[in-house]
Amino acid sequence: MSRTMPKDAQPRLLIVWHSRTGASAACARAAAAGGRADGSARVVLRAATQVRTTELLAADGYIFIGPENLASMSGAMKEMVDRSYYAMLDRVNGRPYALIITAGSDGSGAVRQWQRIATGWRLKPIADPLIICTHADAPETIAARKIVPASDLARARDIGAGMANGLAMGIF
C-alpha cells in the first residue's frame, strides 16, 4: 500500500545493498548519489546486514542492489529478506522498487529470486532489472575486487535519480 504523506514531506527511498568484492557497493553509492542529486527525496543507503524491518516499512520505495552468488542472491540479502518478509506482508503493497544485480557471467538467477520476493510483497517494479556483468568466471577473478565501468555506474545513478524523482512527483 502506498503511504500518504503531507504535501511538504520528502519521500523516503531506501537503498539496500550487499557486496563482497566492491561492485555492488559502488553501484549502491552511485544510485544513492543519483537519488540525492536534486534533493527531492530522502535517500537512505543501508547495508543488508544492518537494515531493520522498521526502515523497510517506513520507506516509500526501494532499490535492492547485490551480487549474484552461485546463481542466486547473496546470503546477506536473503537473510535480510528472511528477517523482514512476514512483517512486511500486506504492509508495502504497491510500493515501487528497482533491482541492480552484479554478476560474473549471468545474473538471471538472482533476478528471478528477487522478482518472486517482490511479487510476494506485492511491490511494483519501476524498471527492468539492471544486471551488470563483471565477466568474472575464474577463481582468481571471482574473488578479486571489482571496478565497475563508469557507464554502468551512470546507469545505477540514473535508476537512483529516476526512483527519487518519481517518488517526489507521485508517479509511483
N, C-alpha and C. Protein backbone atom coordinates (compact mmCIF):
# COMPACT_ATOMS: atom_id res chain seq x y z
N MET A 1 0.84 -1.16 0.00
CA MET A 1 0.00 0.00 0.00
C MET A 1 0.88 1.22 0.00
N SER A 2 0.53 2.19 -0.77
CA SER A 2 1.29 3.43 -0.83
C SER A 2 1.06 4.21 0.45
N ARG A 3 2.07 4.91 0.87
CA ARG A 3 1.95 5.72 2.09
C ARG A 3 1.40 7.09 1.74
N THR A 4 0.62 7.66 2.64
CA THR A 4 0.12 9.01 2.46
C THR A 4 1.03 9.94 3.25
N MET A 5 1.56 10.95 2.57
CA MET A 5 2.49 11.88 3.21
C MET A 5 1.93 13.29 3.13
N PRO A 6 2.30 14.14 4.10
CA PRO A 6 1.94 15.55 3.97
C PRO A 6 2.58 16.10 2.70
N LYS A 7 1.96 17.12 2.11
CA LYS A 7 2.44 17.67 0.84
C LYS A 7 3.90 18.11 0.88
N ASP A 8 4.36 18.62 2.02
CA ASP A 8 5.72 19.14 2.08
C ASP A 8 6.75 18.10 2.53
N ALA A 9 6.33 16.87 2.81
CA ALA A 9 7.25 15.84 3.27
C ALA A 9 8.00 15.23 2.08
N GLN A 10 9.26 14.93 2.32
CA GLN A 10 10.05 14.26 1.28
C GLN A 10 9.79 12.76 1.34
N PRO A 11 9.64 12.13 0.20
CA PRO A 11 9.50 10.67 0.20
C PRO A 11 10.84 10.03 0.58
N ARG A 12 10.78 8.82 1.13
CA ARG A 12 11.97 8.10 1.55
C ARG A 12 12.28 6.98 0.57
N LEU A 13 13.48 7.03 0.04
CA LEU A 13 13.99 5.98 -0.82
C LEU A 13 15.04 5.20 -0.03
N LEU A 14 14.80 3.92 0.14
CA LEU A 14 15.74 3.05 0.86
C LEU A 14 16.50 2.21 -0.14
N ILE A 15 17.81 2.32 -0.11
CA ILE A 15 18.68 1.51 -0.96
C ILE A 15 19.34 0.48 -0.06
N VAL A 16 19.00 -0.77 -0.29
CA VAL A 16 19.54 -1.88 0.50
C VAL A 16 20.55 -2.61 -0.38
N TRP A 17 21.76 -2.80 0.14
CA TRP A 17 22.82 -3.39 -0.68
C TRP A 17 23.65 -4.40 0.10
N HIS A 18 24.32 -5.25 -0.65
CA HIS A 18 25.33 -6.14 -0.11
C HIS A 18 26.40 -6.29 -1.19
N SER A 19 27.65 -6.37 -0.75
CA SER A 19 28.75 -6.50 -1.69
C SER A 19 29.87 -7.31 -1.06
N ARG A 20 30.46 -8.19 -1.83
CA ARG A 20 31.63 -8.93 -1.39
C ARG A 20 32.92 -8.40 -2.02
N THR A 21 32.84 -7.98 -3.26
CA THR A 21 34.05 -7.60 -3.98
C THR A 21 34.04 -6.15 -4.46
N GLY A 22 33.08 -5.37 -4.02
CA GLY A 22 33.07 -3.94 -4.31
C GLY A 22 32.13 -3.49 -5.42
N ALA A 23 31.73 -4.37 -6.33
CA ALA A 23 30.89 -3.94 -7.45
C ALA A 23 29.53 -3.45 -6.99
N SER A 24 28.86 -4.21 -6.15
CA SER A 24 27.53 -3.80 -5.70
C SER A 24 27.62 -2.57 -4.79
N ALA A 25 28.66 -2.47 -3.99
CA ALA A 25 28.84 -1.28 -3.14
C ALA A 25 29.00 -0.04 -4.01
N ALA A 26 29.77 -0.14 -5.07
CA ALA A 26 29.95 1.00 -5.98
C ALA A 26 28.62 1.38 -6.64
N CYS A 27 27.86 0.39 -7.03
CA CYS A 27 26.55 0.66 -7.66
C CYS A 27 25.60 1.30 -6.65
N ALA A 28 25.64 0.85 -5.40
CA ALA A 28 24.78 1.42 -4.37
C ALA A 28 25.13 2.89 -4.12
N ARG A 29 26.42 3.20 -4.06
CA ARG A 29 26.83 4.60 -3.87
C ARG A 29 26.39 5.45 -5.06
N ALA A 30 26.50 4.89 -6.27
CA ALA A 30 26.09 5.63 -7.46
C ALA A 30 24.58 5.87 -7.46
N ALA A 31 23.80 4.85 -7.12
CA ALA A 31 22.34 5.01 -7.07
C ALA A 31 21.95 6.04 -6.01
N ALA A 32 22.62 6.02 -4.87
CA ALA A 32 22.34 7.00 -3.83
C ALA A 32 22.68 8.41 -4.28
N ALA A 33 23.81 8.56 -4.96
CA ALA A 33 24.19 9.89 -5.48
C ALA A 33 23.14 10.40 -6.46
N GLY A 34 22.66 9.52 -7.33
CA GLY A 34 21.61 9.92 -8.27
C GLY A 34 20.34 10.30 -7.55
N GLY A 35 19.98 9.53 -6.54
CA GLY A 35 18.77 9.81 -5.78
C GLY A 35 18.82 11.11 -5.00
N ARG A 36 20.02 11.47 -4.57
CA ARG A 36 20.19 12.70 -3.78
C ARG A 36 20.45 13.93 -4.63
N ALA A 37 20.66 13.75 -5.92
CA ALA A 37 21.14 14.84 -6.79
C ALA A 37 20.29 16.09 -6.73
N ASP A 38 19.00 15.97 -6.74
CA ASP A 38 18.17 17.19 -6.75
C ASP A 38 17.46 17.45 -5.43
N GLY A 39 17.71 16.62 -4.43
CA GLY A 39 17.14 16.84 -3.10
C GLY A 39 15.65 16.58 -2.99
N SER A 40 15.08 15.90 -3.98
CA SER A 40 13.63 15.70 -3.96
C SER A 40 13.18 14.55 -3.05
N ALA A 41 14.11 13.70 -2.63
CA ALA A 41 13.78 12.57 -1.77
C ALA A 41 14.84 12.41 -0.69
N ARG A 42 14.44 11.83 0.40
CA ARG A 42 15.39 11.46 1.45
C ARG A 42 15.89 10.07 1.10
N VAL A 43 17.18 9.96 0.83
CA VAL A 43 17.77 8.69 0.40
C VAL A 43 18.55 8.10 1.56
N VAL A 44 18.21 6.86 1.90
CA VAL A 44 18.90 6.13 2.96
C VAL A 44 19.61 4.95 2.31
N LEU A 45 20.90 4.88 2.52
CA LEU A 45 21.73 3.80 1.98
C LEU A 45 22.07 2.88 3.15
N ARG A 46 21.63 1.63 3.06
CA ARG A 46 21.81 0.74 4.21
C ARG A 46 22.28 -0.63 3.76
N ALA A 47 23.32 -1.13 4.42
CA ALA A 47 23.81 -2.49 4.16
C ALA A 47 22.74 -3.48 4.58
N ALA A 48 22.59 -4.55 3.81
CA ALA A 48 21.57 -5.55 4.10
C ALA A 48 21.70 -6.11 5.51
N THR A 49 22.92 -6.23 5.99
CA THR A 49 23.14 -6.78 7.33
C THR A 49 22.71 -5.81 8.43
N GLN A 50 22.52 -4.55 8.09
CA GLN A 50 22.17 -3.53 9.08
C GLN A 50 20.73 -3.03 8.99
N VAL A 51 20.06 -3.25 7.86
CA VAL A 51 18.71 -2.69 7.68
C VAL A 51 17.74 -3.35 8.65
N ARG A 52 16.87 -2.53 9.19
CA ARG A 52 15.85 -3.01 10.12
C ARG A 52 14.49 -3.05 9.40
N THR A 53 13.63 -3.93 9.85
CA THR A 53 12.29 -4.03 9.27
C THR A 53 11.57 -2.70 9.36
N THR A 54 11.75 -1.97 10.45
CA THR A 54 11.08 -0.67 10.59
C THR A 54 11.51 0.29 9.49
N GLU A 55 12.78 0.21 9.04
CA GLU A 55 13.23 1.06 7.94
C GLU A 55 12.58 0.65 6.63
N LEU A 56 12.44 -0.64 6.42
CA LEU A 56 11.77 -1.12 5.22
C LEU A 56 10.31 -0.66 5.19
N LEU A 57 9.65 -0.74 6.33
CA LEU A 57 8.25 -0.32 6.39
C LEU A 57 8.09 1.19 6.23
N ALA A 58 9.06 1.95 6.67
CA ALA A 58 8.98 3.42 6.61
C ALA A 58 9.31 3.97 5.23
N ALA A 59 9.91 3.16 4.37
CA ALA A 59 10.33 3.64 3.05
C ALA A 59 9.14 3.72 2.10
N ASP A 60 9.25 4.65 1.16
CA ASP A 60 8.23 4.80 0.12
C ASP A 60 8.61 4.05 -1.14
N GLY A 61 9.87 3.70 -1.28
CA GLY A 61 10.35 2.96 -2.43
C GLY A 61 11.70 2.35 -2.10
N TYR A 62 12.10 1.38 -2.92
CA TYR A 62 13.30 0.60 -2.63
C TYR A 62 14.14 0.39 -3.89
N ILE A 63 15.45 0.35 -3.67
CA ILE A 63 16.37 -0.18 -4.67
C ILE A 63 17.17 -1.26 -3.95
N PHE A 64 17.12 -2.47 -4.46
CA PHE A 64 17.86 -3.58 -3.91
C PHE A 64 19.04 -3.84 -4.83
N ILE A 65 20.26 -3.85 -4.24
CA ILE A 65 21.48 -3.98 -5.03
C ILE A 65 22.37 -5.05 -4.39
N GLY A 66 22.72 -6.05 -5.17
CA GLY A 66 23.59 -7.08 -4.62
C GLY A 66 24.15 -7.98 -5.69
N PRO A 67 25.10 -8.81 -5.29
CA PRO A 67 25.71 -9.74 -6.24
C PRO A 67 24.88 -11.00 -6.42
N GLU A 68 25.09 -11.62 -7.55
CA GLU A 68 24.60 -12.98 -7.72
C GLU A 68 25.73 -13.89 -7.27
N ASN A 69 25.42 -14.80 -6.36
CA ASN A 69 26.38 -15.81 -5.91
C ASN A 69 25.81 -17.18 -6.21
N LEU A 70 26.51 -17.94 -7.04
CA LEU A 70 26.10 -19.30 -7.38
C LEU A 70 24.65 -19.34 -7.85
N ALA A 71 24.31 -18.43 -8.76
CA ALA A 71 23.00 -18.36 -9.42
C ALA A 71 21.85 -17.93 -8.51
N SER A 72 22.16 -17.29 -7.38
CA SER A 72 21.10 -16.76 -6.54
C SER A 72 21.57 -15.51 -5.82
N MET A 73 20.64 -14.86 -5.14
CA MET A 73 21.01 -13.65 -4.41
C MET A 73 22.00 -14.01 -3.31
N SER A 74 22.76 -13.04 -2.87
CA SER A 74 23.76 -13.31 -1.84
C SER A 74 23.08 -13.70 -0.53
N GLY A 75 23.81 -14.43 0.29
CA GLY A 75 23.28 -14.87 1.58
C GLY A 75 22.86 -13.72 2.47
N ALA A 76 23.61 -12.63 2.46
CA ALA A 76 23.27 -11.48 3.30
C ALA A 76 21.94 -10.86 2.87
N MET A 77 21.70 -10.78 1.57
CA MET A 77 20.43 -10.25 1.10
C MET A 77 19.29 -11.21 1.46
N LYS A 78 19.52 -12.50 1.29
CA LYS A 78 18.49 -13.49 1.63
C LYS A 78 18.18 -13.44 3.12
N GLU A 79 19.18 -13.28 3.95
CA GLU A 79 18.96 -13.22 5.39
C GLU A 79 18.14 -11.98 5.75
N MET A 80 18.40 -10.85 5.07
CA MET A 80 17.61 -9.63 5.30
C MET A 80 16.15 -9.89 4.95
N VAL A 81 15.91 -10.55 3.83
CA VAL A 81 14.54 -10.88 3.43
C VAL A 81 13.92 -11.82 4.46
N ASP A 82 14.65 -12.83 4.88
CA ASP A 82 14.13 -13.77 5.88
C ASP A 82 13.73 -13.06 7.17
N ARG A 83 14.52 -12.08 7.60
CA ARG A 83 14.22 -11.33 8.82
C ARG A 83 12.96 -10.49 8.70
N SER A 84 12.67 -10.01 7.50
CA SER A 84 11.64 -8.99 7.31
C SER A 84 10.40 -9.46 6.56
N TYR A 85 10.48 -10.58 5.90
CA TYR A 85 9.45 -10.96 4.93
C TYR A 85 8.03 -10.92 5.51
N TYR A 86 7.79 -11.65 6.56
CA TYR A 86 6.41 -11.77 7.06
C TYR A 86 5.91 -10.48 7.69
N ALA A 87 6.79 -9.72 8.29
CA ALA A 87 6.36 -8.44 8.88
C ALA A 87 5.93 -7.44 7.81
N MET A 88 6.40 -7.63 6.58
CA MET A 88 6.09 -6.69 5.50
C MET A 88 4.86 -7.10 4.68
N LEU A 89 4.44 -8.34 4.81
CA LEU A 89 3.30 -8.81 4.01
C LEU A 89 2.08 -7.92 4.23
N ASP A 90 1.47 -7.51 3.14
CA ASP A 90 0.27 -6.67 3.13
C ASP A 90 0.47 -5.30 3.77
N ARG A 91 1.72 -4.89 3.96
CA ARG A 91 2.00 -3.58 4.53
C ARG A 91 2.78 -2.68 3.57
N VAL A 92 3.26 -3.25 2.46
CA VAL A 92 4.03 -2.47 1.49
C VAL A 92 3.47 -2.62 0.07
N ASN A 93 2.27 -3.14 -0.02
CA ASN A 93 1.65 -3.39 -1.33
C ASN A 93 1.71 -2.15 -2.22
N GLY A 94 2.16 -2.34 -3.45
CA GLY A 94 2.16 -1.27 -4.44
C GLY A 94 3.34 -0.33 -4.38
N ARG A 95 4.20 -0.48 -3.41
CA ARG A 95 5.36 0.41 -3.35
C ARG A 95 6.33 0.04 -4.47
N PRO A 96 7.02 1.04 -5.02
CA PRO A 96 7.91 0.79 -6.16
C PRO A 96 9.27 0.25 -5.71
N TYR A 97 9.86 -0.51 -6.62
CA TYR A 97 11.22 -0.99 -6.36
C TYR A 97 11.98 -1.10 -7.68
N ALA A 98 13.30 -1.09 -7.54
CA ALA A 98 14.19 -1.36 -8.65
C ALA A 98 15.25 -2.34 -8.15
N LEU A 99 15.88 -2.99 -9.10
CA LEU A 99 16.82 -4.05 -8.77
C LEU A 99 18.08 -3.89 -9.61
N ILE A 100 19.23 -3.94 -8.93
CA ILE A 100 20.53 -3.92 -9.61
C ILE A 100 21.31 -5.14 -9.11
N ILE A 101 21.71 -5.98 -10.05
CA ILE A 101 22.47 -7.19 -9.73
C ILE A 101 23.83 -7.11 -10.40
N THR A 102 24.88 -7.38 -9.64
CA THR A 102 26.21 -7.52 -10.24
C THR A 102 26.49 -9.02 -10.31
N ALA A 103 27.00 -9.46 -11.45
CA ALA A 103 27.19 -10.88 -11.66
C ALA A 103 28.43 -11.13 -12.49
N GLY A 104 29.06 -12.25 -12.25
CA GLY A 104 30.24 -12.61 -13.01
C GLY A 104 29.91 -12.96 -14.45
N SER A 105 28.80 -13.67 -14.64
CA SER A 105 28.51 -14.11 -16.01
C SER A 105 27.04 -14.08 -16.39
N ASP A 106 26.10 -14.03 -15.43
CA ASP A 106 24.70 -14.17 -15.82
C ASP A 106 23.79 -13.20 -15.07
N GLY A 107 23.47 -13.46 -13.83
CA GLY A 107 22.62 -12.59 -13.03
C GLY A 107 21.15 -12.95 -13.02
N SER A 108 20.71 -13.77 -13.95
CA SER A 108 19.27 -14.03 -14.07
C SER A 108 18.70 -14.84 -12.90
N GLY A 109 19.50 -15.68 -12.28
CA GLY A 109 19.02 -16.45 -11.13
C GLY A 109 18.66 -15.54 -9.96
N ALA A 110 19.53 -14.59 -9.67
CA ALA A 110 19.25 -13.64 -8.59
C ALA A 110 18.05 -12.76 -8.94
N VAL A 111 17.95 -12.36 -10.18
CA VAL A 111 16.80 -11.55 -10.61
C VAL A 111 15.50 -12.32 -10.38
N ARG A 112 15.45 -13.57 -10.81
CA ARG A 112 14.23 -14.37 -10.62
C ARG A 112 13.87 -14.50 -9.14
N GLN A 113 14.88 -14.72 -8.32
CA GLN A 113 14.64 -14.86 -6.88
C GLN A 113 14.06 -13.56 -6.32
N TRP A 114 14.66 -12.42 -6.69
CA TRP A 114 14.15 -11.13 -6.21
C TRP A 114 12.73 -10.86 -6.72
N GLN A 115 12.48 -11.20 -7.96
CA GLN A 115 11.14 -10.95 -8.51
C GLN A 115 10.08 -11.77 -7.77
N ARG A 116 10.41 -12.96 -7.38
CA ARG A 116 9.45 -13.77 -6.60
C ARG A 116 9.20 -13.15 -5.24
N ILE A 117 10.24 -12.65 -4.60
CA ILE A 117 10.08 -11.98 -3.31
C ILE A 117 9.24 -10.72 -3.48
N ALA A 118 9.55 -9.91 -4.49
CA ALA A 118 8.81 -8.68 -4.73
C ALA A 118 7.34 -8.97 -5.04
N THR A 119 7.08 -10.07 -5.74
CA THR A 119 5.70 -10.46 -6.01
C THR A 119 4.98 -10.79 -4.70
N GLY A 120 5.65 -11.48 -3.81
CA GLY A 120 5.07 -11.80 -2.51
C GLY A 120 4.77 -10.56 -1.69
N TRP A 121 5.67 -9.60 -1.74
CA TRP A 121 5.47 -8.33 -1.03
C TRP A 121 4.51 -7.41 -1.80
N ARG A 122 4.18 -7.78 -3.03
CA ARG A 122 3.31 -7.00 -3.91
C ARG A 122 3.91 -5.63 -4.23
N LEU A 123 5.24 -5.64 -4.44
CA LEU A 123 5.92 -4.42 -4.86
C LEU A 123 5.73 -4.23 -6.36
N LYS A 124 5.91 -3.01 -6.81
CA LYS A 124 5.74 -2.67 -8.22
C LYS A 124 7.09 -2.31 -8.83
N PRO A 125 7.55 -3.06 -9.85
CA PRO A 125 8.83 -2.71 -10.47
C PRO A 125 8.68 -1.42 -11.28
N ILE A 126 9.69 -0.56 -11.17
CA ILE A 126 9.65 0.71 -11.93
C ILE A 126 10.56 0.67 -13.14
N ALA A 127 11.34 -0.39 -13.27
CA ALA A 127 12.27 -0.52 -14.40
C ALA A 127 12.63 -2.00 -14.54
N ASP A 128 13.10 -2.37 -15.70
CA ASP A 128 13.65 -3.71 -15.85
C ASP A 128 14.87 -3.83 -14.94
N PRO A 129 15.12 -5.02 -14.39
CA PRO A 129 16.31 -5.19 -13.56
C PRO A 129 17.57 -4.86 -14.35
N LEU A 130 18.50 -4.20 -13.67
CA LEU A 130 19.79 -3.90 -14.27
C LEU A 130 20.78 -4.96 -13.81
N ILE A 131 21.33 -5.70 -14.77
CA ILE A 131 22.37 -6.69 -14.47
C ILE A 131 23.68 -6.14 -15.01
N ILE A 132 24.64 -6.00 -14.13
CA ILE A 132 25.97 -5.52 -14.51
C ILE A 132 26.90 -6.73 -14.47
N CYS A 133 27.36 -7.13 -15.62
CA CYS A 133 28.20 -8.31 -15.75
C CYS A 133 29.67 -7.92 -15.61
N THR A 134 30.34 -8.54 -14.66
CA THR A 134 31.77 -8.25 -14.43
C THR A 134 32.69 -9.18 -15.19
N HIS A 135 32.13 -10.20 -15.84
CA HIS A 135 32.90 -11.18 -16.61
C HIS A 135 33.93 -11.91 -15.76
N ALA A 136 33.61 -12.07 -14.48
CA ALA A 136 34.48 -12.81 -13.58
C ALA A 136 34.00 -14.26 -13.56
N ASP A 137 34.78 -15.14 -14.16
CA ASP A 137 34.33 -16.53 -14.27
C ASP A 137 35.42 -17.55 -13.94
N ALA A 138 36.50 -17.09 -13.37
CA ALA A 138 37.58 -17.98 -12.93
C ALA A 138 37.84 -17.69 -11.46
N PRO A 139 38.33 -18.66 -10.71
CA PRO A 139 38.50 -18.45 -9.26
C PRO A 139 39.23 -17.16 -8.91
N GLU A 140 40.29 -16.84 -9.65
CA GLU A 140 41.05 -15.63 -9.31
C GLU A 140 40.30 -14.35 -9.64
N THR A 141 39.42 -14.36 -10.61
CA THR A 141 38.66 -13.14 -10.95
C THR A 141 37.37 -13.03 -10.15
N ILE A 142 36.79 -14.16 -9.76
CA ILE A 142 35.55 -14.14 -8.98
C ILE A 142 35.79 -13.47 -7.64
N ALA A 143 36.86 -13.82 -6.96
CA ALA A 143 37.12 -13.29 -5.62
C ALA A 143 37.82 -11.93 -5.63
N ALA A 144 38.28 -11.48 -6.77
CA ALA A 144 39.04 -10.21 -6.85
C ALA A 144 38.13 -9.00 -6.68
N ARG A 145 38.71 -7.89 -6.20
CA ARG A 145 37.99 -6.62 -6.12
C ARG A 145 37.54 -6.23 -7.52
N LYS A 146 36.38 -5.63 -7.60
CA LYS A 146 35.83 -5.25 -8.90
C LYS A 146 35.84 -3.74 -9.07
N ILE A 147 36.10 -3.32 -10.28
CA ILE A 147 35.98 -1.92 -10.69
C ILE A 147 34.85 -1.87 -11.70
N VAL A 148 33.80 -1.13 -11.36
CA VAL A 148 32.63 -1.04 -12.24
C VAL A 148 32.88 0.09 -13.24
N PRO A 149 32.70 -0.19 -14.52
CA PRO A 149 32.90 0.86 -15.54
C PRO A 149 31.98 2.06 -15.29
N ALA A 150 32.48 3.23 -15.66
CA ALA A 150 31.72 4.47 -15.46
C ALA A 150 30.35 4.41 -16.13
N SER A 151 30.26 3.76 -17.28
CA SER A 151 28.97 3.67 -17.98
C SER A 151 27.95 2.88 -17.17
N ASP A 152 28.39 1.84 -16.46
CA ASP A 152 27.47 1.07 -15.62
C ASP A 152 27.11 1.85 -14.35
N LEU A 153 28.08 2.57 -13.80
CA LEU A 153 27.77 3.40 -12.63
C LEU A 153 26.77 4.49 -13.00
N ALA A 154 26.87 5.01 -14.21
CA ALA A 154 25.90 6.02 -14.68
C ALA A 154 24.50 5.42 -14.76
N ARG A 155 24.41 4.18 -15.18
CA ARG A 155 23.10 3.51 -15.24
C ARG A 155 22.53 3.34 -13.84
N ALA A 156 23.35 3.00 -12.87
CA ALA A 156 22.89 2.88 -11.48
C ALA A 156 22.46 4.25 -10.95
N ARG A 157 23.23 5.27 -11.27
CA ARG A 157 22.90 6.65 -10.86
C ARG A 157 21.55 7.06 -11.45
N ASP A 158 21.31 6.71 -12.71
CA ASP A 158 20.04 7.04 -13.36
C ASP A 158 18.86 6.35 -12.68
N ILE A 159 19.05 5.12 -12.25
CA ILE A 159 17.98 4.42 -11.54
C ILE A 159 17.68 5.13 -10.22
N GLY A 160 18.72 5.54 -9.50
CA GLY A 160 18.51 6.27 -8.25
C GLY A 160 17.79 7.59 -8.48
N ALA A 161 18.22 8.32 -9.50
CA ALA A 161 17.58 9.61 -9.81
C ALA A 161 16.14 9.41 -10.25
N GLY A 162 15.90 8.42 -11.10
CA GLY A 162 14.55 8.17 -11.57
C GLY A 162 13.61 7.77 -10.45
N MET A 163 14.09 6.92 -9.56
CA MET A 163 13.26 6.50 -8.43
C MET A 163 12.94 7.67 -7.52
N ALA A 164 13.95 8.46 -7.17
CA ALA A 164 13.73 9.61 -6.28
C ALA A 164 12.78 10.62 -6.92
N ASN A 165 13.00 10.93 -8.17
CA ASN A 165 12.14 11.90 -8.85
C ASN A 165 10.72 11.38 -8.98
N GLY A 166 10.58 10.11 -9.34
CA GLY A 166 9.25 9.52 -9.47
C GLY A 166 8.49 9.51 -8.15
N LEU A 167 9.20 9.21 -7.06
CA LEU A 167 8.57 9.26 -5.73
C LEU A 167 8.13 10.69 -5.41
N ALA A 168 9.02 11.65 -5.65
CA ALA A 168 8.72 13.05 -5.31
C ALA A 168 7.56 13.60 -6.14
N MET A 169 7.45 13.15 -7.37
CA MET A 169 6.38 13.64 -8.26
C MET A 169 5.08 12.86 -8.07
N GLY A 170 5.12 11.80 -7.28
CA GLY A 170 3.92 11.00 -7.06
C GLY A 170 3.59 10.07 -8.22
N ILE A 171 4.57 9.82 -9.09
CA ILE A 171 4.34 8.95 -10.24
C ILE A 171 4.20 7.49 -9.79
N PHE A 172 4.98 7.10 -8.80
CA PHE A 172 4.92 5.71 -8.30
C PHE A 172 4.10 5.69 -7.02
